[in-house]
Amino acid sequence: MRNENPTVYSTELGRMCPKCDKPVAECVCKKQTRQHGDGVVRVQRESKGRKGKTVTLVSGVPLGDEALRSLLSELKRQCGAGGTIKDGAIEIQGDHRAKLVEELKKRGYTVKIAGG
C-alpha cells in the first residue's frame, strides 16, 4: 500500500521521488520509455491553460531524451524563442508552426499540422 504522506526530501539521500520512494537519481518512474506513436510528427498551436499565451507543440518525435533536448535547442534557436520539453513533447513559445514544419521536413520527418 502506498504511503499517503511520502518522503520528498531526505538529508541523507537528497530529493526523493514521491511515487516510488527512491532517490531522484535512482527513480524508476521517470525512466519509463515513451511510446513513439505512428511515426508522424505533429505540430500544433495551443493556448489553453496558458492565460492566452500561445505555444507551438511538437509531439511524436521518435528520439531519446538527450537527442530531444538537442533538437529543442536547435528549434528554439531557429525560432528565436524560448521553449521546453513536457511529457515528451517540445513546447516552443509563440506560433511558429510554419518554421517548425519546414525545419522538421528538412530533417527527414513525416510532419503533419494538427488542430485548427
PDB file of N, CA and C in Angstrom:
ATOM      1  N   MET A   1       0.837  -1.186   0.000  1.00  0.00           N
ATOM      2  CA  MET A   1       0.000   0.000   0.000  1.00  0.00           C
ATOM      3  C   MET A   1       0.882   1.249   0.000  1.00  0.00           C
ATOM      4  N   ARG A   2       0.559   2.192  -0.814  1.00  0.00           N
ATOM      5  CA  ARG A   2       1.342   3.407  -0.951  1.00  0.00           C
ATOM      6  C   ARG A   2       1.097   4.336   0.230  1.00  0.00           C
ATOM      7  N   ASN A   3       2.171   4.951   0.703  1.00  0.00           N
ATOM      8  CA  ASN A   3       2.100   5.863   1.828  1.00  0.00           C
ATOM      9  C   ASN A   3       1.359   7.136   1.417  1.00  0.00           C
ATOM     10  N   GLU A   4       0.437   7.615   2.260  1.00  0.00           N
ATOM     11  CA  GLU A   4      -0.317   8.823   1.937  1.00  0.00           C
ATOM     12  C   GLU A   4       0.537  10.078   2.035  1.00  0.00           C
ATOM     13  N   ASN A   5       1.572  10.064   2.865  1.00  0.00           N
ATOM     14  CA  ASN A   5       2.489  11.198   3.026  1.00  0.00           C
ATOM     15  C   ASN A   5       3.913  10.739   2.717  1.00  0.00           C
ATOM     16  N   PRO A   6       4.269  10.612   1.442  1.00  0.00           N
ATOM     17  CA  PRO A   6       5.592  10.102   1.093  1.00  0.00           C
ATOM     18  C   PRO A   6       6.696  11.107   1.421  1.00  0.00           C
ATOM     19  N   THR A   7       7.882  10.607   1.676  1.00  0.00           N
ATOM     20  CA  THR A   7       9.036  11.449   1.920  1.00  0.00           C
ATOM     21  C   THR A   7       9.468  12.060   0.592  1.00  0.00           C
ATOM     22  N   VAL A   8       9.648  13.398   0.560  1.00  0.00           N
ATOM     23  CA  VAL A   8      10.067  14.046  -0.670  1.00  0.00           C
ATOM     24  C   VAL A   8      11.497  14.564  -0.584  1.00  0.00           C
ATOM     25  N   TYR A   9      12.056  14.598   0.643  1.00  0.00           N
ATOM     26  CA  TYR A   9      13.443  15.007   0.805  1.00  0.00           C
ATOM     27  C   TYR A   9      14.017  14.330   2.033  1.00  0.00           C
ATOM     28  N   SER A  10      15.230  13.861   1.885  1.00  0.00           N
ATOM     29  CA  SER A  10      15.933  13.237   2.996  1.00  0.00           C
ATOM     30  C   SER A  10      17.301  13.886   3.092  1.00  0.00           C
ATOM     31  N   THR A  11      17.725  14.258   4.308  1.00  0.00           N
ATOM     32  CA  THR A  11      19.046  14.877   4.446  1.00  0.00           C
ATOM     33  C   THR A  11      20.158  13.904   4.083  1.00  0.00           C
ATOM     34  N   GLU A  12      19.880  12.637   4.171  1.00  0.00           N
ATOM     35  CA  GLU A  12      20.874  11.619   3.844  1.00  0.00           C
ATOM     36  C   GLU A  12      20.950  11.357   2.339  1.00  0.00           C
ATOM     37  N   LEU A  13      19.796  11.298   1.665  1.00  0.00           N
ATOM     38  CA  LEU A  13      19.751  10.910   0.257  1.00  0.00           C
ATOM     39  C   LEU A  13      19.389  12.047  -0.698  1.00  0.00           C
ATOM     40  N   GLY A  14      18.903  13.185  -0.210  1.00  0.00           N
ATOM     41  CA  GLY A  14      18.505  14.295  -1.075  1.00  0.00           C
ATOM     42  C   GLY A  14      17.047  14.164  -1.488  1.00  0.00           C
ATOM     43  N   ARG A  15      16.722  14.702  -2.676  1.00  0.00           N
ATOM     44  CA  ARG A  15      15.342  14.656  -3.166  1.00  0.00           C
ATOM     45  C   ARG A  15      14.898  13.221  -3.392  1.00  0.00           C
ATOM     46  N   MET A  16      13.643  12.962  -3.036  1.00  0.00           N
ATOM     47  CA  MET A  16      13.061  11.630  -3.169  1.00  0.00           C
ATOM     48  C   MET A  16      11.871  11.699  -4.113  1.00  0.00           C
ATOM     49  N   CYS A  17      11.679  10.654  -4.896  1.00  0.00           N
ATOM     50  CA  CYS A  17      10.523  10.568  -5.785  1.00  0.00           C
ATOM     51  C   CYS A  17       9.304  10.194  -4.935  1.00  0.00           C
ATOM     52  N   PRO A  18       8.221  10.979  -4.983  1.00  0.00           N
ATOM     53  CA  PRO A  18       7.048  10.664  -4.172  1.00  0.00           C
ATOM     54  C   PRO A  18       6.290   9.432  -4.647  1.00  0.00           C
ATOM     55  N   LYS A  19       6.538   8.995  -5.887  1.00  0.00           N
ATOM     56  CA  LYS A  19       5.814   7.837  -6.416  1.00  0.00           C
ATOM     57  C   LYS A  19       6.470   6.515  -6.035  1.00  0.00           C
ATOM     58  N   CYS A  20       7.807   6.425  -6.208  1.00  0.00           N
ATOM     59  CA  CYS A  20       8.469   5.142  -5.963  1.00  0.00           C
ATOM     60  C   CYS A  20       9.302   5.137  -4.675  1.00  0.00           C
ATOM     61  N   ASP A  21       9.346   6.268  -3.945  1.00  0.00           N
ATOM     62  CA  ASP A  21      10.076   6.386  -2.676  1.00  0.00           C
ATOM     63  C   ASP A  21      11.557   6.055  -2.800  1.00  0.00           C
ATOM     64  N   LYS A  22      12.165   6.389  -3.945  1.00  0.00           N
ATOM     65  CA  LYS A  22      13.600   6.206  -4.147  1.00  0.00           C
ATOM     66  C   LYS A  22      14.212   7.575  -4.408  1.00  0.00           C
ATOM     67  N   PRO A  23      15.537   7.711  -4.219  1.00  0.00           N
ATOM     68  CA  PRO A  23      16.173   8.987  -4.573  1.00  0.00           C
ATOM     69  C   PRO A  23      15.940   9.306  -6.052  1.00  0.00           C
ATOM     70  N   VAL A  24      15.828  10.594  -6.390  1.00  0.00           N
ATOM     71  CA  VAL A  24      15.506  11.005  -7.748  1.00  0.00           C
ATOM     72  C   VAL A  24      16.502  10.420  -8.756  1.00  0.00           C
ATOM     73  N   ALA A  25      17.775  10.320  -8.378  1.00  0.00           N
ATOM     74  CA  ALA A  25      18.782   9.766  -9.288  1.00  0.00           C
ATOM     75  C   ALA A  25      18.522   8.298  -9.611  1.00  0.00           C
ATOM     76  N   GLU A  26      17.858   7.577  -8.713  1.00  0.00           N
ATOM     77  CA  GLU A  26      17.580   6.155  -8.912  1.00  0.00           C
ATOM     78  C   GLU A  26      16.106   5.878  -9.206  1.00  0.00           C
ATOM     79  N   CYS A  27      15.345   6.936  -9.489  1.00  0.00           N
ATOM     80  CA  CYS A  27      13.900   6.819  -9.702  1.00  0.00           C
ATOM     81  C   CYS A  27      13.592   5.917 -10.895  1.00  0.00           C
ATOM     82  N   VAL A  28      12.661   4.999 -10.693  1.00  0.00           N
ATOM     83  CA  VAL A  28      12.250   4.103 -11.775  1.00  0.00           C
ATOM     84  C   VAL A  28      11.017   4.639 -12.506  1.00  0.00           C
ATOM     85  N   CYS A  29      10.333   5.616 -11.939  1.00  0.00           N
ATOM     86  CA  CYS A  29       9.135   6.186 -12.563  1.00  0.00           C
ATOM     87  C   CYS A  29       9.484   6.948 -13.833  1.00  0.00           C
ATOM     88  N   LYS A  30      10.515   7.785 -13.782  1.00  0.00           N
ATOM     89  CA  LYS A  30      10.877   8.652 -14.893  1.00  0.00           C
ATOM     90  C   LYS A  30      11.541   7.901 -16.031  1.00  0.00           C
ATOM     91  N   LYS A  31      12.085   6.732 -15.755  1.00  0.00           N
ATOM     92  CA  LYS A  31      12.836   6.003 -16.766  1.00  0.00           C
ATOM     93  C   LYS A  31      11.961   5.128 -17.645  1.00  0.00           C
ATOM     94  N   GLN A  32      10.663   5.280 -17.534  1.00  0.00           N
ATOM     95  CA  GLN A  32       9.765   4.524 -18.399  1.00  0.00           C
ATOM     96  C   GLN A  32       9.900   5.050 -19.820  1.00  0.00           C
ATOM     97  N   THR A  33       9.918   4.166 -20.773  1.00  0.00           N
ATOM     98  CA  THR A  33      10.086   4.580 -22.159  1.00  0.00           C
ATOM     99  C   THR A  33       8.784   5.147 -22.701  1.00  0.00           C
ATOM    100  N   ARG A  34       8.934   6.196 -23.522  1.00  0.00           N
ATOM    101  CA  ARG A  34       7.768   6.805 -24.168  1.00  0.00           C
ATOM    102  C   ARG A  34       7.404   5.996 -25.395  1.00  0.00           C
ATOM    103  N   GLN A  35       6.142   5.982 -25.703  1.00  0.00           N
ATOM    104  CA  GLN A  35       5.720   5.371 -26.946  1.00  0.00           C
ATOM    105  C   GLN A  35       5.922   6.389 -28.056  1.00  0.00           C
ATOM    106  N   HIS A  36       6.450   5.926 -29.180  1.00  0.00           N
ATOM    107  CA  HIS A  36       6.778   6.846 -30.259  1.00  0.00           C
ATOM    108  C   HIS A  36       5.617   7.091 -31.203  1.00  0.00           C
ATOM    109  N   GLY A  37       4.519   6.415 -31.016  1.00  0.00           N
ATOM    110  CA  GLY A  37       3.342   6.682 -31.822  1.00  0.00           C
ATOM    111  C   GLY A  37       3.410   6.064 -33.201  1.00  0.00           C
ATOM    112  N   ASP A  38       2.809   6.741 -34.185  1.00  0.00           N
ATOM    113  CA  ASP A  38       2.674   6.174 -35.525  1.00  0.00           C
ATOM    114  C   ASP A  38       3.736   6.658 -36.513  1.00  0.00           C
ATOM    115  N   GLY A  39       4.766   7.343 -36.036  1.00  0.00           N
ATOM    116  CA  GLY A  39       5.834   7.797 -36.918  1.00  0.00           C
ATOM    117  C   GLY A  39       5.581   9.153 -37.544  1.00  0.00           C
ATOM    118  N   VAL A  40       4.473   9.794 -37.221  1.00  0.00           N
ATOM    119  CA  VAL A  40       4.156  11.114 -37.761  1.00  0.00           C
ATOM    120  C   VAL A  40       4.399  12.143 -36.660  1.00  0.00           C
ATOM    121  N   VAL A  41       5.196  13.158 -36.986  1.00  0.00           N
ATOM    122  CA  VAL A  41       5.445  14.248 -36.043  1.00  0.00           C
ATOM    123  C   VAL A  41       4.328  15.260 -36.225  1.00  0.00           C
ATOM    124  N   ARG A  42       3.644  15.595 -35.149  1.00  0.00           N
ATOM    125  CA  ARG A  42       2.522  16.530 -35.227  1.00  0.00           C
ATOM    126  C   ARG A  42       2.913  17.875 -34.619  1.00  0.00           C
ATOM    127  N   VAL A  43       2.580  18.941 -35.339  1.00  0.00           N
ATOM    128  CA  VAL A  43       2.871  20.304 -34.900  1.00  0.00           C
ATOM    129  C   VAL A  43       1.539  21.008 -34.738  1.00  0.00           C
ATOM    130  N   GLN A  44       1.290  21.547 -33.544  1.00  0.00           N
ATOM    131  CA  GLN A  44       0.019  22.227 -33.314  1.00  0.00           C
ATOM    132  C   GLN A  44       0.211  23.447 -32.427  1.00  0.00           C
ATOM    133  N   ARG A  45      -0.708  24.374 -32.557  1.00  0.00           N
ATOM    134  CA  ARG A  45      -0.708  25.588 -31.749  1.00  0.00           C
ATOM    135  C   ARG A  45      -1.677  25.377 -30.602  1.00  0.00           C
ATOM    136  N   GLU A  46      -1.288  25.828 -29.425  1.00  0.00           N
ATOM    137  CA  GLU A  46      -2.162  25.666 -28.264  1.00  0.00           C
ATOM    138  C   GLU A  46      -2.054  26.878 -27.356  1.00  0.00           C
ATOM    139  N   SER A  47      -3.184  27.277 -26.770  1.00  0.00           N
ATOM    140  CA  SER A  47      -3.161  28.393 -25.829  1.00  0.00           C
ATOM    141  C   SER A  47      -4.007  28.120 -24.592  1.00  0.00           C
ATOM    142  N   LYS A  48      -4.651  26.967 -24.525  1.00  0.00           N
ATOM    143  CA  LYS A  48      -5.489  26.653 -23.367  1.00  0.00           C
ATOM    144  C   LYS A  48      -4.634  26.465 -22.118  1.00  0.00           C
ATOM    145  N   GLY A  49      -5.101  27.039 -21.027  1.00  0.00           N
ATOM    146  CA  GLY A  49      -4.413  26.870 -19.749  1.00  0.00           C
ATOM    147  C   GLY A  49      -3.130  27.669 -19.638  1.00  0.00           C
ATOM    148  N   ARG A  50      -2.931  28.630 -20.543  1.00  0.00           N
ATOM    149  CA  ARG A  50      -1.701  29.415 -20.533  1.00  0.00           C
ATOM    150  C   ARG A  50      -1.998  30.915 -20.484  1.00  0.00           C
ATOM    151  N   LYS A  51      -3.150  31.270 -19.978  1.00  0.00           N
ATOM    152  CA  LYS A  51      -3.584  32.664 -19.857  1.00  0.00           C
ATOM    153  C   LYS A  51      -3.526  33.403 -21.190  1.00  0.00           C
ATOM    154  N   GLY A  52      -3.911  32.720 -22.258  1.00  0.00           N
ATOM    155  CA  GLY A  52      -3.964  33.347 -23.572  1.00  0.00           C
ATOM    156  C   GLY A  52      -2.661  33.324 -24.343  1.00  0.00           C
ATOM    157  N   LYS A  53      -1.572  32.906 -23.714  1.00  0.00           N
ATOM    158  CA  LYS A  53      -0.276  32.851 -24.402  1.00  0.00           C
ATOM    159  C   LYS A  53      -0.250  31.632 -25.323  1.00  0.00           C
ATOM    160  N   THR A  54       0.292  31.814 -26.504  1.00  0.00           N
ATOM    161  CA  THR A  54       0.325  30.744 -27.494  1.00  0.00           C
ATOM    162  C   THR A  54       1.655  30.010 -27.434  1.00  0.00           C
ATOM    163  N   VAL A  55       1.601  28.684 -27.531  1.00  0.00           N
ATOM    164  CA  VAL A  55       2.799  27.873 -27.681  1.00  0.00           C
ATOM    165  C   VAL A  55       2.578  26.941 -28.869  1.00  0.00           C
ATOM    166  N   THR A  56       3.674  26.507 -29.466  1.00  0.00           N
ATOM    167  CA  THR A  56       3.614  25.539 -30.550  1.00  0.00           C
ATOM    168  C   THR A  56       4.115  24.219 -29.999  1.00  0.00           C
ATOM    169  N   LEU A  57       3.287  23.172 -30.086  1.00  0.00           N
ATOM    170  CA  LEU A  57       3.645  21.847 -29.586  1.00  0.00           C
ATOM    171  C   LEU A  57       4.117  20.972 -30.727  1.00  0.00           C
ATOM    172  N   VAL A  58       5.229  20.282 -30.500  1.00  0.00           N
ATOM    173  CA  VAL A  58       5.755  19.316 -31.458  1.00  0.00           C
ATOM    174  C   VAL A  58       5.753  17.978 -30.739  1.00  0.00           C
ATOM    175  N   SER A  59       4.898  17.052 -31.175  1.00  0.00           N
ATOM    176  CA  SER A  59       4.799  15.760 -30.500  1.00  0.00           C
ATOM    177  C   SER A  59       5.029  14.624 -31.486  1.00  0.00           C
ATOM    178  N   GLY A  60       5.416  13.477 -30.941  1.00  0.00           N
ATOM    179  CA  GLY A  60       5.615  12.294 -31.760  1.00  0.00           C
ATOM    180  C   GLY A  60       6.997  12.181 -32.378  1.00  0.00           C
ATOM    181  N   VAL A  61       7.964  12.954 -31.873  1.00  0.00           N
ATOM    182  CA  VAL A  61       9.323  12.880 -32.407  1.00  0.00           C
ATOM    183  C   VAL A  61       9.982  11.615 -31.854  1.00  0.00           C
ATOM    184  N   PRO A  62      10.415  10.709 -32.731  1.00  0.00           N
ATOM    185  CA  PRO A  62      10.963   9.429 -32.269  1.00  0.00           C
ATOM    186  C   PRO A  62      12.428   9.530 -31.859  1.00  0.00           C
ATOM    187  N   LEU A  63      12.714  10.272 -30.780  1.00  0.00           N
ATOM    188  CA  LEU A  63      14.080  10.456 -30.300  1.00  0.00           C
ATOM    189  C   LEU A  63      14.153  10.174 -28.808  1.00  0.00           C
ATOM    190  N   GLY A  64      15.342   9.869 -28.325  1.00  0.00           N
ATOM    191  CA  GLY A  64      15.573   9.696 -26.900  1.00  0.00           C
ATOM    192  C   GLY A  64      15.656  11.052 -26.216  1.00  0.00           C
ATOM    193  N   ASP A  65      15.831  11.033 -24.897  1.00  0.00           N
ATOM    194  CA  ASP A  65      15.815  12.274 -24.120  1.00  0.00           C
ATOM    195  C   ASP A  65      16.923  13.248 -24.522  1.00  0.00           C
ATOM    196  N   GLU A  66      18.159  12.758 -24.650  1.00  0.00           N
ATOM    197  CA  GLU A  66      19.280  13.640 -24.991  1.00  0.00           C
ATOM    198  C   GLU A  66      19.112  14.227 -26.390  1.00  0.00           C
ATOM    199  N   ALA A  67      18.737  13.399 -27.348  1.00  0.00           N
ATOM    200  CA  ALA A  67      18.545  13.869 -28.721  1.00  0.00           C
ATOM    201  C   ALA A  67      17.375  14.842 -28.799  1.00  0.00           C
ATOM    202  N   LEU A  68      16.343  14.622 -27.982  1.00  0.00           N
ATOM    203  CA  LEU A  68      15.193  15.524 -27.961  1.00  0.00           C
ATOM    204  C   LEU A  68      15.596  16.888 -27.410  1.00  0.00           C
ATOM    205  N   ARG A  69      16.440  16.899 -26.366  1.00  0.00           N
ATOM    206  CA  ARG A  69      16.926  18.177 -25.811  1.00  0.00           C
ATOM    207  C   ARG A  69      17.768  18.928 -26.844  1.00  0.00           C
ATOM    208  N   SER A  70      18.581  18.193 -27.586  1.00  0.00           N
ATOM    209  CA  SER A  70      19.409  18.811 -28.627  1.00  0.00           C
ATOM    210  C   SER A  70      18.525  19.415 -29.719  1.00  0.00           C
ATOM    211  N   LEU A  71      17.495  18.667 -30.134  1.00  0.00           N
ATOM    212  CA  LEU A  71      16.563  19.170 -31.140  1.00  0.00           C
ATOM    213  C   LEU A  71      15.832  20.403 -30.621  1.00  0.00           C
ATOM    214  N   LEU A  72      15.415  20.377 -29.367  1.00  0.00           N
ATOM    215  CA  LEU A  72      14.748  21.529 -28.756  1.00  0.00           C
ATOM    216  C   LEU A  72      15.632  22.761 -28.850  1.00  0.00           C
ATOM    217  N   SER A  73      16.891  22.611 -28.508  1.00  0.00           N
ATOM    218  CA  SER A  73      17.823  23.733 -28.535  1.00  0.00           C
ATOM    219  C   SER A  73      17.944  24.315 -29.944  1.00  0.00           C
ATOM    220  N   GLU A  74      18.048  23.465 -30.940  1.00  0.00           N
ATOM    221  CA  GLU A  74      18.169  23.933 -32.319  1.00  0.00           C
ATOM    222  C   GLU A  74      16.879  24.593 -32.807  1.00  0.00           C
ATOM    223  N   LEU A  75      15.730  24.037 -32.433  1.00  0.00           N
ATOM    224  CA  LEU A  75      14.453  24.632 -32.854  1.00  0.00           C
ATOM    225  C   LEU A  75      14.234  25.990 -32.181  1.00  0.00           C
ATOM    226  N   LYS A  76      14.606  26.101 -30.921  1.00  0.00           N
ATOM    227  CA  LYS A  76      14.477  27.385 -30.225  1.00  0.00           C
ATOM    228  C   LYS A  76      15.337  28.440 -30.910  1.00  0.00           C
ATOM    229  N   ARG A  77      16.540  28.052 -31.301  1.00  0.00           N
ATOM    230  CA  ARG A  77      17.443  28.973 -31.983  1.00  0.00           C
ATOM    231  C   ARG A  77      16.859  29.407 -33.333  1.00  0.00           C
ATOM    232  N   GLN A  78      16.281  28.456 -34.070  1.00  0.00           N
ATOM    233  CA  GLN A  78      15.671  28.757 -35.366  1.00  0.00           C
ATOM    234  C   GLN A  78      14.524  29.760 -35.225  1.00  0.00           C
ATOM    235  N   CYS A  79      13.722  29.581 -34.171  1.00  0.00           N
ATOM    236  CA  CYS A  79      12.535  30.425 -33.989  1.00  0.00           C
ATOM    237  C   CYS A  79      12.845  31.702 -33.216  1.00  0.00           C
ATOM    238  N   GLY A  80      13.963  31.752 -32.538  1.00  0.00           N
ATOM    239  CA  GLY A  80      14.277  32.919 -31.719  1.00  0.00           C
ATOM    240  C   GLY A  80      13.331  33.038 -30.544  1.00  0.00           C
ATOM    241  N   ALA A  81      12.985  31.898 -29.950  1.00  0.00           N
ATOM    242  CA  ALA A  81      12.017  31.886 -28.854  1.00  0.00           C
ATOM    243  C   ALA A  81      12.449  30.890 -27.793  1.00  0.00           C
ATOM    244  N   GLY A  82      11.818  30.964 -26.651  1.00  0.00           N
ATOM    245  CA  GLY A  82      12.083  30.017 -25.577  1.00  0.00           C
ATOM    246  C   GLY A  82      11.257  28.760 -25.762  1.00  0.00           C
ATOM    247  N   GLY A  83      11.540  27.770 -24.948  1.00  0.00           N
ATOM    248  CA  GLY A  83      10.777  26.538 -25.035  1.00  0.00           C
ATOM    249  C   GLY A  83      11.225  25.532 -24.004  1.00  0.00           C
ATOM    250  N   THR A  84      10.523  24.396 -23.965  1.00  0.00           N
ATOM    251  CA  THR A  84      10.820  23.345 -23.005  1.00  0.00           C
ATOM    252  C   THR A  84      10.309  22.017 -23.538  1.00  0.00           C
ATOM    253  N   ILE A  85      10.589  20.964 -22.768  1.00  0.00           N
ATOM    254  CA  ILE A  85      10.051  19.644 -23.087  1.00  0.00           C
ATOM    255  C   ILE A  85       9.142  19.241 -21.939  1.00  0.00           C
ATOM    256  N   LYS A  86       7.894  18.900 -22.254  1.00  0.00           N
ATOM    257  CA  LYS A  86       6.946  18.427 -21.244  1.00  0.00           C
ATOM    258  C   LYS A  86       6.271  17.171 -21.762  1.00  0.00           C
ATOM    259  N   ASP A  87       6.339  16.111 -20.991  1.00  0.00           N
ATOM    260  CA  ASP A  87       5.701  14.834 -21.326  1.00  0.00           C
ATOM    261  C   ASP A  87       6.109  14.328 -22.714  1.00  0.00           C
ATOM    262  N   GLY A  88       7.373  14.518 -23.068  1.00  0.00           N
ATOM    263  CA  GLY A  88       7.868  14.019 -24.348  1.00  0.00           C
ATOM    264  C   GLY A  88       7.516  14.873 -25.551  1.00  0.00           C
ATOM    265  N   ALA A  89       6.873  16.021 -25.328  1.00  0.00           N
ATOM    266  CA  ALA A  89       6.520  16.933 -26.420  1.00  0.00           C
ATOM    267  C   ALA A  89       7.323  18.223 -26.273  1.00  0.00           C
ATOM    268  N   ILE A  90       7.764  18.751 -27.382  1.00  0.00           N
ATOM    269  CA  ILE A  90       8.510  20.010 -27.380  1.00  0.00           C
ATOM    270  C   ILE A  90       7.513  21.155 -27.406  1.00  0.00           C
ATOM    271  N   GLU A  91       7.699  22.137 -26.522  1.00  0.00           N
ATOM    272  CA  GLU A  91       6.867  23.339 -26.499  1.00  0.00           C
ATOM    273  C   GLU A  91       7.757  24.524 -26.837  1.00  0.00           C
ATOM    274  N   ILE A  92       7.394  25.269 -27.884  1.00  0.00           N
ATOM    275  CA  ILE A  92       8.109  26.480 -28.278  1.00  0.00           C
ATOM    276  C   ILE A  92       7.161  27.654 -28.066  1.00  0.00           C
ATOM    277  N   GLN A  93       7.637  28.713 -27.403  1.00  0.00           N
ATOM    278  CA  GLN A  93       6.784  29.865 -27.125  1.00  0.00           C
ATOM    279  C   GLN A  93       6.457  30.605 -28.413  1.00  0.00           C
ATOM    280  N   GLY A  94       5.179  30.904 -28.612  1.00  0.00           N
ATOM    281  CA  GLY A  94       4.725  31.631 -29.795  1.00  0.00           C
ATOM    282  C   GLY A  94       4.197  30.683 -30.870  1.00  0.00           C
ATOM    283  N   ASP A  95       3.679  31.270 -31.944  1.00  0.00           N
ATOM    284  CA  ASP A  95       3.140  30.489 -33.052  1.00  0.00           C
ATOM    285  C   ASP A  95       4.200  30.394 -34.156  1.00  0.00           C
ATOM    286  N   HIS A  96       4.905  29.261 -34.219  1.00  0.00           N
ATOM    287  CA  HIS A  96       5.981  29.058 -35.182  1.00  0.00           C
ATOM    288  C   HIS A  96       5.748  27.797 -36.003  1.00  0.00           C
ATOM    289  N   ARG A  97       4.482  27.477 -36.273  1.00  0.00           N
ATOM    290  CA  ARG A  97       4.178  26.220 -36.958  1.00  0.00           C
ATOM    291  C   ARG A  97       4.857  26.112 -38.316  1.00  0.00           C
ATOM    292  N   ALA A  98       4.797  27.155 -39.130  1.00  0.00           N
ATOM    293  CA  ALA A  98       5.361  27.086 -40.481  1.00  0.00           C
ATOM    294  C   ALA A  98       6.869  26.826 -40.441  1.00  0.00           C
ATOM    295  N   LYS A  99       7.581  27.561 -39.593  1.00  0.00           N
ATOM    296  CA  LYS A  99       9.037  27.376 -39.475  1.00  0.00           C
ATOM    297  C   LYS A  99       9.374  25.970 -39.002  1.00  0.00           C
ATOM    298  N   LEU A 100       8.636  25.499 -38.004  1.00  0.00           N
ATOM    299  CA  LEU A 100       8.928  24.190 -37.429  1.00  0.00           C
ATOM    300  C   LEU A 100       8.632  23.062 -38.410  1.00  0.00           C
ATOM    301  N   VAL A 101       7.528  23.172 -39.145  1.00  0.00           N
ATOM    302  CA  VAL A 101       7.192  22.144 -40.138  1.00  0.00           C
ATOM    303  C   VAL A 101       8.285  22.083 -41.198  1.00  0.00           C
ATOM    304  N   GLU A 102       8.714  23.230 -41.673  1.00  0.00           N
ATOM    305  CA  GLU A 102       9.758  23.289 -42.697  1.00  0.00           C
ATOM    306  C   GLU A 102      11.067  22.679 -42.183  1.00  0.00           C
ATOM    307  N   GLU A 103      11.461  23.035 -40.976  1.00  0.00           N
ATOM    308  CA  GLU A 103      12.714  22.540 -40.406  1.00  0.00           C
ATOM    309  C   GLU A 103      12.661  21.034 -40.151  1.00  0.00           C
ATOM    310  N   LEU A 104      11.548  20.542 -39.651  1.00  0.00           N
ATOM    311  CA  LEU A 104      11.423  19.107 -39.379  1.00  0.00           C
ATOM    312  C   LEU A 104      11.390  18.293 -40.675  1.00  0.00           C
ATOM    313  N   LYS A 105      10.791  18.849 -41.722  1.00  0.00           N
ATOM    314  CA  LYS A 105      10.793  18.157 -43.017  1.00  0.00           C
ATOM    315  C   LYS A 105      12.209  18.075 -43.574  1.00  0.00           C
ATOM    316  N   LYS A 106      13.002  19.143 -43.383  1.00  0.00           N
ATOM    317  CA  LYS A 106      14.401  19.129 -43.813  1.00  0.00           C
ATOM    318  C   LYS A 106      15.180  18.009 -43.126  1.00  0.00           C
ATOM    319  N   ARG A 107      14.796  17.718 -41.894  1.00  0.00           N
ATOM    320  CA  ARG A 107      15.482  16.693 -41.116  1.00  0.00           C
ATOM    321  C   ARG A 107      14.968  15.284 -41.423  1.00  0.00           C
ATOM    322  N   GLY A 108      14.006  15.161 -42.330  1.00  0.00           N
ATOM    323  CA  GLY A 108      13.548  13.855 -42.784  1.00  0.00           C
ATOM    324  C   GLY A 108      12.360  13.269 -42.046  1.00  0.00           C
ATOM    325  N   TYR A 109      11.675  14.046 -41.245  1.00  0.00           N
ATOM    326  CA  TYR A 109      10.499  13.562 -40.524  1.00  0.00           C
ATOM    327  C   TYR A 109       9.246  13.713 -41.377  1.00  0.00           C
ATOM    328  N   THR A 110       8.283  12.845 -41.159  1.00  0.00           N
ATOM    329  CA  THR A 110       6.961  13.000 -41.745  1.00  0.00           C
ATOM    330  C   THR A 110       6.200  13.927 -40.815  1.00  0.00           C
ATOM    331  N   VAL A 111       5.826  15.094 -41.291  1.00  0.00           N
ATOM    332  CA  VAL A 111       5.248  16.128 -40.420  1.00  0.00           C
ATOM    333  C   VAL A 111       3.818  16.428 -40.844  1.00  0.00           C
ATOM    334  N   LYS A 112       2.970  16.646 -39.847  1.00  0.00           N
ATOM    335  CA  LYS A 112       1.574  16.973 -40.108  1.00  0.00           C
ATOM    336  C   LYS A 112       1.171  18.096 -39.167  1.00  0.00           C
ATOM    337  N   ILE A 113       0.470  19.103 -39.689  1.00  0.00           N
ATOM    338  CA  ILE A 113      -0.058  20.161 -38.838  1.00  0.00           C
ATOM    339  C   ILE A 113      -1.357  19.660 -38.238  1.00  0.00           C
ATOM    340  N   ALA A 114      -1.423  19.640 -36.932  1.00  0.00           N
ATOM    341  CA  ALA A 114      -2.606  19.117 -36.232  1.00  0.00           C
ATOM    342  C   ALA A 114      -3.412  20.292 -35.668  1.00  0.00           C
ATOM    343  N   GLY A 115      -4.675  20.061 -35.452  1.00  0.00           N
ATOM    344  CA  GLY A 115      -5.539  21.093 -34.871  1.00  0.00           C
ATOM    345  C   GLY A 115      -5.947  22.129 -35.894  1.00  0.00           C
ATOM    346  N   GLY A 116      -6.590  23.180 -35.421  1.00  0.00           N
ATOM    347  CA  GLY A 116      -7.124  24.203 -36.302  1.00  0.00           C
ATOM    348  C   GLY A 116      -6.153  25.205 -36.633  1.00  0.00           C
TER     349      GLY A 116
END
